[in-house]
PDB file of all heavy atoms in Angstrom:
ATOM      1  N   ARG A   1      -4.476  11.837 -24.760  1.00  0.00           N
ATOM      2  CA  ARG A   1      -3.637  11.716 -25.929  1.00  0.00           C
ATOM      3  C   ARG A   1      -2.855  10.373 -25.874  1.00  0.00           C
ATOM      4  O   ARG A   1      -2.503   9.881 -26.951  1.00  0.00           O
ATOM      5  CB  ARG A   1      -2.635  12.854 -25.976  1.00  0.00           C
ATOM      6  CG  ARG A   1      -3.367  14.221 -26.238  1.00  0.00           C
ATOM      7  CD  ARG A   1      -4.053  14.237 -27.571  1.00  0.00           C
ATOM      8  NE  ARG A   1      -4.610  15.492 -27.918  1.00  0.00           N
ATOM      9  CZ  ARG A   1      -5.490  15.810 -28.835  1.00  0.00           C
ATOM     10  NH1 ARG A   1      -5.678  14.923 -29.757  1.00  0.00           N
ATOM     11  NH2 ARG A   1      -5.963  17.037 -29.055  1.00  0.00           N
ATOM     12  N   ASN A   2      -2.612   9.935 -24.672  1.00  0.00           N
ATOM     13  CA  ASN A   2      -1.737   8.697 -24.587  1.00  0.00           C
ATOM     14  C   ASN A   2      -2.015   7.980 -23.360  1.00  0.00           C
ATOM     15  O   ASN A   2      -1.906   8.535 -22.209  1.00  0.00           O
ATOM     16  CB  ASN A   2      -0.235   9.121 -24.578  1.00  0.00           C
ATOM     17  CG  ASN A   2       0.685   7.947 -24.551  1.00  0.00           C
ATOM     18  OD1 ASN A   2       0.245   6.812 -25.007  1.00  0.00           O
ATOM     19  ND2 ASN A   2       1.851   8.204 -23.997  1.00  0.00           N
ATOM     20  N   ALA A   3      -2.583   6.747 -23.523  1.00  0.00           N
ATOM     21  CA  ALA A   3      -2.958   5.921 -22.417  1.00  0.00           C
ATOM     22  C   ALA A   3      -2.208   4.628 -22.417  1.00  0.00           C
ATOM     23  O   ALA A   3      -2.576   3.686 -23.188  1.00  0.00           O
ATOM     24  CB  ALA A   3      -4.454   5.703 -22.313  1.00  0.00           C
ATOM     25  N   THR A   4      -1.028   4.515 -21.854  1.00  0.00           N
ATOM     26  CA  THR A   4      -0.234   3.248 -21.865  1.00  0.00           C
ATOM     27  C   THR A   4       0.118   2.878 -20.472  1.00  0.00           C
ATOM     28  O   THR A   4       0.234   3.747 -19.534  1.00  0.00           O
ATOM     29  CB  THR A   4       1.007   3.461 -22.676  1.00  0.00           C
ATOM     30  OG1 THR A   4       1.846   4.516 -22.111  1.00  0.00           O
ATOM     31  CG2 THR A   4       0.772   3.869 -24.086  1.00  0.00           C
ATOM     32  N   TYR A   5       0.215   1.611 -20.275  1.00  0.00           N
ATOM     33  CA  TYR A   5       0.540   1.048 -18.899  1.00  0.00           C
ATOM     34  C   TYR A   5       1.605   0.026 -19.100  1.00  0.00           C
ATOM     35  O   TYR A   5       1.625  -0.791 -19.965  1.00  0.00           O
ATOM     36  CB  TYR A   5      -0.702   0.412 -18.282  1.00  0.00           C
ATOM     37  CG  TYR A   5      -1.832   1.232 -18.111  1.00  0.00           C
ATOM     38  CD1 TYR A   5      -2.805   1.377 -19.137  1.00  0.00           C
ATOM     39  CD2 TYR A   5      -2.075   1.986 -17.017  1.00  0.00           C
ATOM     40  CE1 TYR A   5      -3.921   2.240 -18.998  1.00  0.00           C
ATOM     41  CE2 TYR A   5      -3.131   2.818 -16.815  1.00  0.00           C
ATOM     42  CZ  TYR A   5      -4.101   2.980 -17.864  1.00  0.00           C
ATOM     43  OH  TYR A   5      -5.156   3.751 -17.697  1.00  0.00           O
ATOM     44  N   VAL A   6       2.613   0.072 -18.220  1.00  0.00           N
ATOM     45  CA  VAL A   6       3.714  -0.878 -18.143  1.00  0.00           C
ATOM     46  C   VAL A   6       3.228  -2.093 -17.478  1.00  0.00           C
ATOM     47  O   VAL A   6       2.691  -1.990 -16.400  1.00  0.00           O
ATOM     48  CB  VAL A   6       4.973  -0.269 -17.501  1.00  0.00           C
ATOM     49  CG1 VAL A   6       6.071  -1.289 -17.447  1.00  0.00           C
ATOM     50  CG2 VAL A   6       5.428   1.049 -18.323  1.00  0.00           C
ATOM     51  N   GLN A   7       3.450  -3.262 -18.069  1.00  0.00           N
ATOM     52  CA  GLN A   7       3.028  -4.556 -17.343  1.00  0.00           C
ATOM     53  C   GLN A   7       3.913  -4.807 -16.150  1.00  0.00           C
ATOM     54  O   GLN A   7       5.111  -4.727 -16.243  1.00  0.00           O
ATOM     55  CB  GLN A   7       3.196  -5.657 -18.349  1.00  0.00           C
ATOM     56  CG  GLN A   7       2.768  -7.047 -17.815  1.00  0.00           C
ATOM     57  CD  GLN A   7       1.335  -7.240 -17.651  1.00  0.00           C
ATOM     58  OE1 GLN A   7       0.534  -6.526 -18.338  1.00  0.00           O
ATOM     59  NE2 GLN A   7       0.941  -8.196 -16.833  1.00  0.00           N
ATOM     60  N   SER A   8       3.255  -5.060 -15.111  1.00  0.00           N
ATOM     61  CA  SER A   8       3.928  -5.339 -13.798  1.00  0.00           C
ATOM     62  C   SER A   8       4.480  -6.724 -13.849  1.00  0.00           C
ATOM     63  O   SER A   8       4.093  -7.615 -14.663  1.00  0.00           O
ATOM     64  CB  SER A   8       3.012  -5.166 -12.635  1.00  0.00           C
ATOM     65  OG  SER A   8       2.489  -3.881 -12.591  1.00  0.00           O
ATOM     66  N   PRO A   9       5.426  -7.020 -12.983  1.00  0.00           N
ATOM     67  CA  PRO A   9       5.990  -8.459 -12.943  1.00  0.00           C
ATOM     68  C   PRO A   9       4.867  -9.455 -12.610  1.00  0.00           C
ATOM     69  O   PRO A   9       3.898  -9.146 -11.897  1.00  0.00           O
ATOM     70  CB  PRO A   9       7.002  -8.371 -11.782  1.00  0.00           C
ATOM     71  CG  PRO A   9       7.297  -6.923 -11.597  1.00  0.00           C
ATOM     72  CD  PRO A   9       6.049  -6.074 -11.959  1.00  0.00           C
ATOM     73  N   ASP A  10       5.085 -10.667 -13.087  1.00  0.00           N
ATOM     74  CA  ASP A  10       4.157 -11.685 -12.949  1.00  0.00           C
ATOM     75  C   ASP A  10       3.784 -12.037 -11.516  1.00  0.00           C
ATOM     76  O   ASP A  10       2.662 -12.242 -11.101  1.00  0.00           O
ATOM     77  CB  ASP A  10       4.600 -13.067 -13.609  1.00  0.00           C
ATOM     78  CG  ASP A  10       4.586 -12.930 -15.098  1.00  0.00           C
ATOM     79  OD1 ASP A  10       3.846 -12.024 -15.647  1.00  0.00           O
ATOM     80  OD2 ASP A  10       5.099 -13.885 -15.775  1.00  0.00           O
ATOM     81  N   ASN A  11       4.792 -11.936 -10.649  1.00  0.00           N
ATOM     82  CA  ASN A  11       4.582 -12.241  -9.161  1.00  0.00           C
ATOM     83  C   ASN A  11       3.591 -11.182  -8.517  1.00  0.00           C
ATOM     84  O   ASN A  11       3.072 -11.484  -7.480  1.00  0.00           O
ATOM     85  CB  ASN A  11       5.888 -12.342  -8.443  1.00  0.00           C
ATOM     86  CG  ASN A  11       6.608 -11.042  -8.365  1.00  0.00           C
ATOM     87  OD1 ASN A  11       6.520 -10.200  -9.186  1.00  0.00           O
ATOM     88  ND2 ASN A  11       7.362 -10.831  -7.219  1.00  0.00           N
ATOM     89  N   LEU A  12       3.466 -10.021  -9.204  1.00  0.00           N
ATOM     90  CA  LEU A  12       2.500  -9.032  -8.701  1.00  0.00           C
ATOM     91  C   LEU A  12       1.176  -9.212  -9.400  1.00  0.00           C
ATOM     92  O   LEU A  12       0.102  -9.129  -8.858  1.00  0.00           O
ATOM     93  CB  LEU A  12       3.076  -7.675  -8.928  1.00  0.00           C
ATOM     94  CG  LEU A  12       4.279  -7.193  -7.939  1.00  0.00           C
ATOM     95  CD1 LEU A  12       4.644  -5.754  -8.385  1.00  0.00           C
ATOM     96  CD2 LEU A  12       3.929  -7.326  -6.602  1.00  0.00           C
ATOM     97  N   VAL A  13       1.271  -9.323 -10.731  1.00  0.00           N
ATOM     98  CA  VAL A  13       0.000  -9.421 -11.538  1.00  0.00           C
ATOM     99  C   VAL A  13      -0.859 -10.566 -11.082  1.00  0.00           C
ATOM    100  O   VAL A  13      -2.089 -10.360 -10.970  1.00  0.00           O
ATOM    101  CB  VAL A  13       0.416  -9.568 -12.997  1.00  0.00           C
ATOM    102  CG1 VAL A  13      -0.876  -9.867 -13.933  1.00  0.00           C
ATOM    103  CG2 VAL A  13       1.086  -8.269 -13.560  1.00  0.00           C
ATOM    104  N   TRP A  14      -0.285 -11.708 -10.839  1.00  0.00           N
ATOM    105  CA  TRP A  14      -1.121 -12.895 -10.543  1.00  0.00           C
ATOM    106  C   TRP A  14      -1.697 -12.955  -9.208  1.00  0.00           C
ATOM    107  O   TRP A  14      -2.418 -13.882  -8.942  1.00  0.00           O
ATOM    108  CB  TRP A  14      -0.361 -14.157 -10.955  1.00  0.00           C
ATOM    109  CG  TRP A  14      -0.228 -14.309 -12.472  1.00  0.00           C
ATOM    110  CD1 TRP A  14       0.802 -13.782 -13.282  1.00  0.00           C
ATOM    111  CD2 TRP A  14      -1.142 -14.969 -13.342  1.00  0.00           C
ATOM    112  NE1 TRP A  14       0.563 -14.113 -14.588  1.00  0.00           N
ATOM    113  CE2 TRP A  14      -0.682 -14.841 -14.625  1.00  0.00           C
ATOM    114  CE3 TRP A  14      -2.282 -15.616 -13.127  1.00  0.00           C
ATOM    115  CZ2 TRP A  14      -1.286 -15.361 -15.806  1.00  0.00           C
ATOM    116  CZ3 TRP A  14      -2.954 -16.182 -14.195  1.00  0.00           C
ATOM    117  CH2 TRP A  14      -2.487 -15.963 -15.552  1.00  0.00           C
ATOM    118  N   ARG A  15      -1.411 -11.973  -8.432  1.00  0.00           N
ATOM    119  CA  ARG A  15      -2.118 -11.813  -7.143  1.00  0.00           C
ATOM    120  C   ARG A  15      -3.499 -11.315  -7.328  1.00  0.00           C
ATOM    121  O   ARG A  15      -4.358 -11.421  -6.531  1.00  0.00           O
ATOM    122  CB  ARG A  15      -1.299 -10.878  -6.190  1.00  0.00           C
ATOM    123  CG  ARG A  15       0.043 -11.386  -5.728  1.00  0.00           C
ATOM    124  CD  ARG A  15       0.698 -10.348  -4.890  1.00  0.00           C
ATOM    125  NE  ARG A  15       2.136 -10.639  -4.679  1.00  0.00           N
ATOM    126  CZ  ARG A  15       2.858  -9.872  -3.936  1.00  0.00           C
ATOM    127  NH1 ARG A  15       2.476  -8.754  -3.482  1.00  0.00           N
ATOM    128  NH2 ARG A  15       4.247 -10.257  -3.735  1.00  0.00           N
ATOM    129  N   TYR A  16      -3.663 -10.561  -8.558  1.00  0.00           N
ATOM    130  CA  TYR A  16      -4.908  -9.815  -8.690  1.00  0.00           C
ATOM    131  C   TYR A  16      -5.633 -10.231 -10.043  1.00  0.00           C
ATOM    132  O   TYR A  16      -6.748  -9.780 -10.246  1.00  0.00           O
ATOM    133  CB  TYR A  16      -4.646  -8.361  -8.782  1.00  0.00           C
ATOM    134  CG  TYR A  16      -3.746  -7.858  -7.601  1.00  0.00           C
ATOM    135  CD1 TYR A  16      -2.344  -7.632  -7.841  1.00  0.00           C
ATOM    136  CD2 TYR A  16      -4.300  -7.696  -6.396  1.00  0.00           C
ATOM    137  CE1 TYR A  16      -1.639  -7.047  -6.671  1.00  0.00           C
ATOM    138  CE2 TYR A  16      -3.623  -7.245  -5.264  1.00  0.00           C
ATOM    139  CZ  TYR A  16      -2.265  -6.996  -5.463  1.00  0.00           C
ATOM    140  OH  TYR A  16      -1.444  -6.605  -4.402  1.00  0.00           O
ATOM    141  N   PHE A  17      -4.963 -11.022 -10.810  1.00  0.00           N
ATOM    142  CA  PHE A  17      -5.517 -11.356 -12.151  1.00  0.00           C
ATOM    143  C   PHE A  17      -5.424 -12.827 -12.378  1.00  0.00           C
ATOM    144  O   PHE A  17      -4.381 -13.522 -12.022  1.00  0.00           O
ATOM    145  CB  PHE A  17      -4.711 -10.598 -13.196  1.00  0.00           C
ATOM    146  CG  PHE A  17      -5.041 -11.121 -14.654  1.00  0.00           C
ATOM    147  CD1 PHE A  17      -6.233 -10.791 -15.259  1.00  0.00           C
ATOM    148  CD2 PHE A  17      -4.112 -11.907 -15.330  1.00  0.00           C
ATOM    149  CE1 PHE A  17      -6.548 -11.265 -16.520  1.00  0.00           C
ATOM    150  CE2 PHE A  17      -4.342 -12.380 -16.606  1.00  0.00           C
ATOM    151  CZ  PHE A  17      -5.596 -12.073 -17.250  1.00  0.00           C
ATOM    152  N   TYR A  18      -6.471 -13.398 -12.923  1.00  0.00           N
ATOM    153  CA  TYR A  18      -6.509 -14.916 -13.272  1.00  0.00           C
ATOM    154  C   TYR A  18      -7.246 -15.071 -14.553  1.00  0.00           C
ATOM    155  O   TYR A  18      -8.362 -14.568 -14.735  1.00  0.00           O
ATOM    156  CB  TYR A  18      -7.179 -15.624 -12.097  1.00  0.00           C
ATOM    157  CG  TYR A  18      -7.184 -17.094 -12.227  1.00  0.00           C
ATOM    158  CD1 TYR A  18      -5.987 -17.827 -11.978  1.00  0.00           C
ATOM    159  CD2 TYR A  18      -8.281 -17.812 -12.623  1.00  0.00           C
ATOM    160  CE1 TYR A  18      -5.985 -19.131 -12.011  1.00  0.00           C
ATOM    161  CE2 TYR A  18      -8.283 -19.157 -12.748  1.00  0.00           C
ATOM    162  CZ  TYR A  18      -7.089 -19.890 -12.446  1.00  0.00           C
ATOM    163  OH  TYR A  18      -7.097 -21.205 -12.600  1.00  0.00           O
ATOM    164  N   ASN A  19      -6.567 -15.930 -15.403  1.00  0.00           N
ATOM    165  CA  ASN A  19      -7.254 -16.192 -16.722  1.00  0.00           C
ATOM    166  C   ASN A  19      -8.234 -17.385 -16.546  1.00  0.00           C
ATOM    167  O   ASN A  19      -7.894 -18.525 -16.825  1.00  0.00           O
ATOM    168  CB  ASN A  19      -6.144 -16.580 -17.739  1.00  0.00           C
ATOM    169  CG  ASN A  19      -6.764 -16.875 -19.099  1.00  0.00           C
ATOM    170  OD1 ASN A  19      -7.820 -16.642 -19.374  1.00  0.00           O
ATOM    171  ND2 ASN A  19      -5.832 -17.383 -19.957  1.00  0.00           N
ATOM    172  N   LEU A  20      -9.401 -17.031 -16.122  1.00  0.00           N
ATOM    173  CA  LEU A  20     -10.413 -18.062 -15.814  1.00  0.00           C
ATOM    174  C   LEU A  20     -10.791 -18.824 -17.072  1.00  0.00           C
ATOM    175  O   LEU A  20     -10.925 -20.061 -17.139  1.00  0.00           O
ATOM    176  CB  LEU A  20     -11.621 -17.447 -15.180  1.00  0.00           C
ATOM    177  CG  LEU A  20     -12.749 -18.458 -14.778  1.00  0.00           C
ATOM    178  CD1 LEU A  20     -12.296 -19.502 -13.830  1.00  0.00           C
ATOM    179  CD2 LEU A  20     -13.912 -17.707 -14.100  1.00  0.00           C
ATOM    180  N   LYS A  21     -11.039 -18.049 -18.205  1.00  0.00           N
ATOM    181  CA  LYS A  21     -11.458 -18.755 -19.452  1.00  0.00           C
ATOM    182  C   LYS A  21     -10.367 -19.729 -19.967  1.00  0.00           C
ATOM    183  O   LYS A  21     -10.810 -20.804 -20.510  1.00  0.00           O
ATOM    184  CB  LYS A  21     -11.698 -17.643 -20.522  1.00  0.00           C
ATOM    185  CG  LYS A  21     -12.269 -18.236 -21.754  1.00  0.00           C
ATOM    186  CD  LYS A  21     -12.593 -17.136 -22.791  1.00  0.00           C
ATOM    187  CE  LYS A  21     -13.173 -17.663 -24.094  1.00  0.00           C
ATOM    188  NZ  LYS A  21     -13.552 -16.565 -25.000  1.00  0.00           N
ATOM    189  N   GLY A  22      -9.053 -19.460 -19.673  1.00  0.00           N
ATOM    190  CA  GLY A  22      -8.062 -20.348 -20.098  1.00  0.00           C
ATOM    191  C   GLY A  22      -7.601 -21.375 -19.210  1.00  0.00           C
ATOM    192  O   GLY A  22      -6.620 -22.112 -19.405  1.00  0.00           O
ATOM    193  N   SER A  23      -8.360 -21.540 -17.988  1.00  0.00           N
ATOM    194  CA  SER A  23      -7.949 -22.389 -16.970  1.00  0.00           C
ATOM    195  C   SER A  23      -8.499 -23.756 -17.193  1.00  0.00           C
ATOM    196  O   SER A  23      -9.229 -24.075 -18.106  1.00  0.00           O
ATOM    197  CB  SER A  23      -8.469 -21.868 -15.615  1.00  0.00           C
ATOM    198  OG  SER A  23      -9.909 -21.914 -15.456  1.00  0.00           O
ATOM    199  N   ALA A  24      -8.050 -24.750 -16.362  1.00  0.00           N
ATOM    200  CA  ALA A  24      -8.460 -26.089 -16.485  1.00  0.00           C
ATOM    201  C   ALA A  24      -9.926 -26.382 -16.311  1.00  0.00           C
ATOM    202  O   ALA A  24     -10.603 -25.614 -15.558  1.00  0.00           O
ATOM    203  CB  ALA A  24      -7.689 -26.970 -15.453  1.00  0.00           C
TER     204      ALA A  24
END
C-alpha cells in the first residue's frame, strides 16, 4: 500500500551510489 524511503545523508549515499551517466 505504501512504499516510501527516506533519502539518507549525502555522506552515506555517495559511498554506494554514483551518477555515472552524469559524470565527466
